[in-house]
């Protein structure tokens, strides 16, 4: 709820604008570079606080916590679920954890199958699983394709 409120606030809308159309934001007068630096600094602060709380809670940091998988898997989960949605990363996390647990009981090459599944889903669902579902539901009934009968009568530009 808080994330949705921030997304609809002026700062959230400027972030969306900077992501979607940088030229338009520049022409309106926004400093897109500053907006992106602010977003990066905020995310770095939140992650730093999370890391400090992790150390205080566990009193130990293993090498597993700083391995590439610790940062790579959340990116994979976000891309699978849908980076442009609030609940997309949760869907992606569910898919990755479900597939990892299921594949670990079936085969020893679970990471290979999960990687192939990741590539296929990213190629088929460009917006992620939830992103494509939201896009499909939002544009249901808005068919933008030209019917074949109308396409025959379009004059050519010779």
C-alpha atoms as a PDB file:
ATOM      1  CA  UNK A   1       0.000   0.000   0.000  1.00  0.00           C
ATOM      2  CA  UNK A   2       2.841   2.363   0.864  1.00  0.00           C
ATOM      3  CA  UNK A   3       4.627   1.510  -2.399  1.00  0.00           C
ATOM      4  CA  UNK A   4       1.473   2.236  -4.405  1.00  0.00           C
ATOM      5  CA  UNK A   5       1.058   5.564  -2.574  1.00  0.00           C
ATOM      6  CA  UNK A   6       4.651   6.522  -3.397  1.00  0.00           C
ATOM      7  CA  UNK A   7       4.192   5.497  -7.019  1.00  0.00           C
ATOM      8  CA  UNK A   8       1.197   7.799  -7.380  1.00  0.00           C
ATOM      9  CA  UNK A   9       2.903  10.705  -5.564  1.00  0.00           C
ATOM     10  CA  UNK A  10       4.812  13.380  -7.473  1.00  0.00           C
ATOM     11  CA  UNK A  11       8.179  11.708  -6.840  1.00  0.00           C
ATOM     12  CA  UNK A  12       6.895   8.343  -8.002  1.00  0.00           C
ATOM     13  CA  UNK A  13       5.331   9.796 -11.111  1.00  0.00           C
ATOM     14  CA  UNK A  14       8.569  11.608 -11.961  1.00  0.00           C
ATOM     15  CA  UNK A  15      10.434   8.292 -11.626  1.00  0.00           C
ATOM     16  CA  UNK A  16       7.945   6.631 -13.965  1.00  0.00           C
ATOM     17  CA  UNK A  17       8.288   9.538 -16.385  1.00  0.00           C
ATOM     18  CA  UNK A  18      12.089   9.344 -16.271  1.00  0.00           C
ATOM     19  CA  UNK A  19      11.914   5.636 -17.035  1.00  0.00           C
ATOM     20  CA  UNK A  20       9.310   5.814 -19.769  1.00  0.00           C
ATOM     21  CA  UNK A  21      10.244   8.965 -21.713  1.00  0.00           C
ATOM     22  CA  UNK A  22      13.409  10.808 -20.777  1.00  0.00           C
ATOM     23  CA  UNK A  23      13.073  13.392 -23.550  1.00  0.00           C
ATOM     24  CA  UNK A  24       9.599  14.398 -22.496  1.00  0.00           C
ATOM     25  CA  UNK A  25      10.684  14.820 -18.881  1.00  0.00           C
ATOM     26  CA  UNK A  26      13.627  16.960 -19.995  1.00  0.00           C
ATOM     27  CA  UNK A  27      11.377  19.118 -22.148  1.00  0.00           C
ATOM     28  CA  UNK A  28       8.976  19.677 -19.250  1.00  0.00           C
ATOM     29  CA  UNK A  29      11.886  20.849 -17.113  1.00  0.00           C
ATOM     30  CA  UNK A  30      12.758  17.882 -14.916  1.00  0.00           C
ATOM     31  CA  UNK A  31      16.380  17.003 -14.250  1.00  0.00           C
ATOM     32  CA  UNK A  32      16.223  13.295 -15.132  1.00  0.00           C
ATOM     33  CA  UNK A  33      19.795  12.636 -14.029  1.00  0.00           C
ATOM     34  CA  UNK A  34      19.067  14.073 -10.568  1.00  0.00           C
ATOM     35  CA  UNK A  35      15.843  12.018 -10.297  1.00  0.00           C
ATOM     36  CA  UNK A  36      17.762   8.837 -11.104  1.00  0.00           C
ATOM     37  CA  UNK A  37      20.569   9.680  -8.663  1.00  0.00           C
ATOM     38  CA  UNK A  38      17.975  10.286  -5.936  1.00  0.00           C
ATOM     39  CA  UNK A  39      16.328   6.916  -6.643  1.00  0.00           C
ATOM     40  CA  UNK A  40      19.701   5.163  -6.584  1.00  0.00           C
ATOM     41  CA  UNK A  41      20.709   6.861  -3.323  1.00  0.00           C
ATOM     42  CA  UNK A  42      17.383   5.959  -1.706  1.00  0.00           C
ATOM     43  CA  UNK A  43      17.668   2.329  -2.751  1.00  0.00           C
ATOM     44  CA  UNK A  44      21.294   2.195  -1.547  1.00  0.00           C
ATOM     45  CA  UNK A  45      20.217   3.614   1.823  1.00  0.00           C
ATOM     46  CA  UNK A  46      17.399   1.072   2.194  1.00  0.00           C
ATOM     47  CA  UNK A  47      19.705  -1.810   1.277  1.00  0.00           C
ATOM     48  CA  UNK A  48      22.355  -0.550   3.695  1.00  0.00           C
ATOM     49  CA  UNK A  49      19.850  -0.464   6.534  1.00  0.00           C
ATOM     50  CA  UNK A  50      18.687  -3.972   5.593  1.00  0.00           C
ATOM     51  CA  UNK A  51      22.274  -5.237   5.623  1.00  0.00           C
ATOM     52  CA  UNK A  52      22.967  -3.653   9.008  1.00  0.00           C
ATOM     53  CA  UNK A  53      19.798  -5.184  10.447  1.00  0.00           C
ATOM     54  CA  UNK A  54      20.798  -8.581   9.013  1.00  0.00           C
ATOM     55  CA  UNK A  55      24.175  -8.417  10.767  1.00  0.00           C
ATOM     56  CA  UNK A  56      22.611  -7.292  14.051  1.00  0.00           C
ATOM     57  CA  UNK A  57      20.051 -10.091  13.891  1.00  0.00           C
ATOM     58  CA  UNK A  58      22.351 -12.960  12.871  1.00  0.00           C
ATOM     59  CA  UNK A  59      25.620 -11.789  14.471  1.00  0.00           C
ATOM     60  CA  UNK A  60      27.437 -13.354  11.505  1.00  0.00           C
ATOM     61  CA  UNK A  61      27.727 -12.910   7.745  1.00  0.00           C
ATOM     62  CA  UNK A  62      28.613 -15.992   5.727  1.00  0.00           C
ATOM     63  CA  UNK A  63      30.211 -16.060   2.297  1.00  0.00           C
ATOM     64  CA  UNK A  64      26.892 -17.301   0.908  1.00  0.00           C
ATOM     65  CA  UNK A  65      25.405 -13.856   1.659  1.00  0.00           C
ATOM     66  CA  UNK A  66      27.939 -12.094  -0.594  1.00  0.00           C
ATOM     67  CA  UNK A  67      27.959 -14.685  -3.381  1.00  0.00           C
ATOM     68  CA  UNK A  68      26.622 -13.520  -6.787  1.00  0.00           C
ATOM     69  CA  UNK A  69      23.472 -15.539  -6.296  1.00  0.00           C
ATOM     70  CA  UNK A  70      22.440 -13.347  -3.366  1.00  0.00           C
ATOM     71  CA  UNK A  71      22.016 -10.396  -5.730  1.00  0.00           C
ATOM     72  CA  UNK A  72      21.344 -12.282  -8.974  1.00  0.00           C
ATOM     73  CA  UNK A  73      18.306 -14.223  -7.797  1.00  0.00           C
ATOM     74  CA  UNK A  74      16.275 -11.149  -6.759  1.00  0.00           C
ATOM     75  CA  UNK A  75      16.964  -9.623 -10.174  1.00  0.00           C
ATOM     76  CA  UNK A  76      15.833 -12.855 -11.834  1.00  0.00           C
ATOM     77  CA  UNK A  77      12.713 -12.963  -9.638  1.00  0.00           C
ATOM     78  CA  UNK A  78      11.898  -9.348 -10.508  1.00  0.00           C
ATOM     79  CA  UNK A  79      12.304  -9.915 -14.241  1.00  0.00           C
ATOM     80  CA  UNK A  80      10.218 -13.092 -14.157  1.00  0.00           C
ATOM     81  CA  UNK A  81       7.365 -11.515 -12.224  1.00  0.00           C
ATOM     82  CA  UNK A  82       7.372  -8.121 -13.877  1.00  0.00           C
ATOM     83  CA  UNK A  83       9.608  -5.174 -13.088  1.00  0.00           C
ATOM     84  CA  UNK A  84       6.921  -2.584 -13.839  1.00  0.00           C
ATOM     85  CA  UNK A  85       4.441  -3.915 -11.269  1.00  0.00           C
ATOM     86  CA  UNK A  86       4.404  -3.740  -7.498  1.00  0.00           C
ATOM     87  CA  UNK A  87       3.559  -7.400  -6.881  1.00  0.00           C
ATOM     88  CA  UNK A  88       5.484  -8.781  -9.876  1.00  0.00           C
ATOM     89  CA  UNK A  89       8.656  -9.547  -7.898  1.00  0.00           C
ATOM     90  CA  UNK A  90       6.574 -11.529  -5.393  1.00  0.00           C
ATOM     91  CA  UNK A  91       5.108 -13.612  -8.223  1.00  0.00           C
ATOM     92  CA  UNK A  92       8.606 -14.093  -9.645  1.00  0.00           C
ATOM     93  CA  UNK A  93       9.922 -15.171  -6.231  1.00  0.00           C
ATOM     94  CA  UNK A  94       7.120 -17.696  -5.939  1.00  0.00           C
ATOM     95  CA  UNK A  95       7.866 -19.111  -9.391  1.00  0.00           C
ATOM     96  CA  UNK A  96      11.620 -19.346  -8.757  1.00  0.00           C
ATOM     97  CA  UNK A  97      11.259 -20.950  -5.326  1.00  0.00           C
ATOM     98  CA  UNK A  98       8.579 -23.364  -6.530  1.00  0.00           C
ATOM     99  CA  UNK A  99      10.642 -24.374  -9.555  1.00  0.00           C
ATOM    100  CA  UNK A 100      13.856 -24.702  -7.523  1.00  0.00           C
ATOM    101  CA  UNK A 101      12.178 -26.906  -4.906  1.00  0.00           C
ATOM    102  CA  UNK A 102      10.388 -29.011  -7.529  1.00  0.00           C
ATOM    103  CA  UNK A 103      13.453 -29.395  -9.761  1.00  0.00           C
ATOM    104  CA  UNK A 104      15.731 -30.313  -6.843  1.00  0.00           C
ATOM    105  CA  UNK A 105      13.627 -33.414  -6.194  1.00  0.00           C
ATOM    106  CA  UNK A 106      13.573 -34.403  -9.888  1.00  0.00           C
ATOM    107  CA  UNK A 107      17.090 -33.740 -11.185  1.00  0.00           C
ATOM    108  CA  UNK A 108      20.573 -32.676 -10.132  1.00  0.00           C
ATOM    109  CA  UNK A 109      20.658 -30.113 -12.950  1.00  0.00           C
ATOM    110  CA  UNK A 110      17.957 -27.917 -11.441  1.00  0.00           C
ATOM    111  CA  UNK A 111      19.922 -24.696 -11.943  1.00  0.00           C
ATOM    112  CA  UNK A 112      20.349 -25.440 -15.642  1.00  0.00           C
ATOM    113  CA  UNK A 113      16.633 -26.070 -16.131  1.00  0.00           C
ATOM    114  CA  UNK A 114      15.791 -22.962 -14.069  1.00  0.00           C
ATOM    115  CA  UNK A 115      18.152 -20.885 -16.222  1.00  0.00           C
ATOM    116  CA  UNK A 116      16.570 -22.185 -19.424  1.00  0.00           C
ATOM    117  CA  UNK A 117      13.109 -21.500 -18.006  1.00  0.00           C
ATOM    118  CA  UNK A 118      14.233 -17.973 -17.127  1.00  0.00           C
ATOM    119  CA  UNK A 119      15.410 -17.340 -20.700  1.00  0.00           C
ATOM    120  CA  UNK A 120      12.175 -18.701 -22.193  1.00  0.00           C
ATOM    121  CA  UNK A 121       9.920 -16.687 -19.864  1.00  0.00           C
ATOM    122  CA  UNK A 122      11.873 -13.472 -20.464  1.00  0.00           C
ATOM    123  CA  UNK A 123      11.713 -14.011 -24.240  1.00  0.00           C
ATOM    124  CA  UNK A 124       7.985 -14.867 -24.285  1.00  0.00           C
ATOM    125  CA  UNK A 125       6.763 -12.504 -21.538  1.00  0.00           C
ATOM    126  CA  UNK A 126       8.671  -9.257 -22.129  1.00  0.00           C
ATOM    127  CA  UNK A 127       6.940  -7.497 -19.225  1.00  0.00           C
ATOM    128  CA  UNK A 128       7.207 -10.472 -16.862  1.00  0.00           C
ATOM    129  CA  UNK A 129       4.432 -12.860 -15.905  1.00  0.00           C
ATOM    130  CA  UNK A 130       2.311 -10.414 -13.917  1.00  0.00           C
ATOM    131  CA  UNK A 131       3.209  -7.516 -16.213  1.00  0.00           C
ATOM    132  CA  UNK A 132       1.900  -9.382 -19.251  1.00  0.00           C
ATOM    133  CA  UNK A 133      -1.231 -10.424 -17.362  1.00  0.00           C
ATOM    134  CA  UNK A 134      -1.944  -6.820 -16.314  1.00  0.00           C
ATOM    135  CA  UNK A 135      -1.242  -5.568 -19.842  1.00  0.00           C
ATOM    136  CA  UNK A 136      -3.525  -8.202 -21.361  1.00  0.00           C
ATOM    137  CA  UNK A 137      -6.357  -7.406 -18.937  1.00  0.00           C
ATOM    138  CA  UNK A 138      -5.963  -3.649 -19.445  1.00  0.00           C
ATOM    139  CA  UNK A 139      -6.023  -3.917 -23.239  1.00  0.00           C
ATOM    140  CA  UNK A 140      -8.678  -6.615 -23.540  1.00  0.00           C
ATOM    141  CA  UNK A 141     -11.106  -5.597 -26.260  1.00  0.00           C
ATOM    142  CA  UNK A 142      -8.802  -2.889 -27.641  1.00  0.00           C
ATOM    143  CA  UNK A 143      -7.751  -4.686 -30.816  1.00  0.00           C
ATOM    144  CA  UNK A 144      -5.380  -2.402 -32.730  1.00  0.00           C
ATOM    145  CA  UNK A 145      -4.756  -4.705 -35.664  1.00  0.00           C
ATOM    146  CA  UNK A 146      -6.279  -3.889 -39.047  1.00  0.00           C
ATOM    147  CA  UNK A 147      -8.601  -6.593 -40.382  1.00  0.00           C
ATOM    148  CA  UNK A 148      -7.436  -8.314 -43.559  1.00  0.00           C
ATOM    149  CA  UNK A 149     -10.399  -7.031 -45.604  1.00  0.00           C
ATOM    150  CA  UNK A 150      -9.572  -3.404 -44.746  1.00  0.00           C
ATOM    151  CA  UNK A 151      -5.859  -3.932 -45.334  1.00  0.00           C
ATOM    152  CA  UNK A 152      -6.518  -4.849 -49.011  1.00  0.00           C
ATOM    153  CA  UNK A 153      -8.125  -1.473 -49.721  1.00  0.00           C
ATOM    154  CA  UNK A 154      -5.223   0.639 -48.382  1.00  0.00           C
ATOM    155  CA  UNK A 155      -3.748   2.608 -51.300  1.00  0.00           C
ATOM    156  CA  UNK A 156      -0.095   1.993 -51.971  1.00  0.00           C
ATOM    157  CA  UNK A 157       2.422   4.845 -51.773  1.00  0.00           C
ATOM    158  CA  UNK A 158       4.203   4.393 -55.108  1.00  0.00           C
END
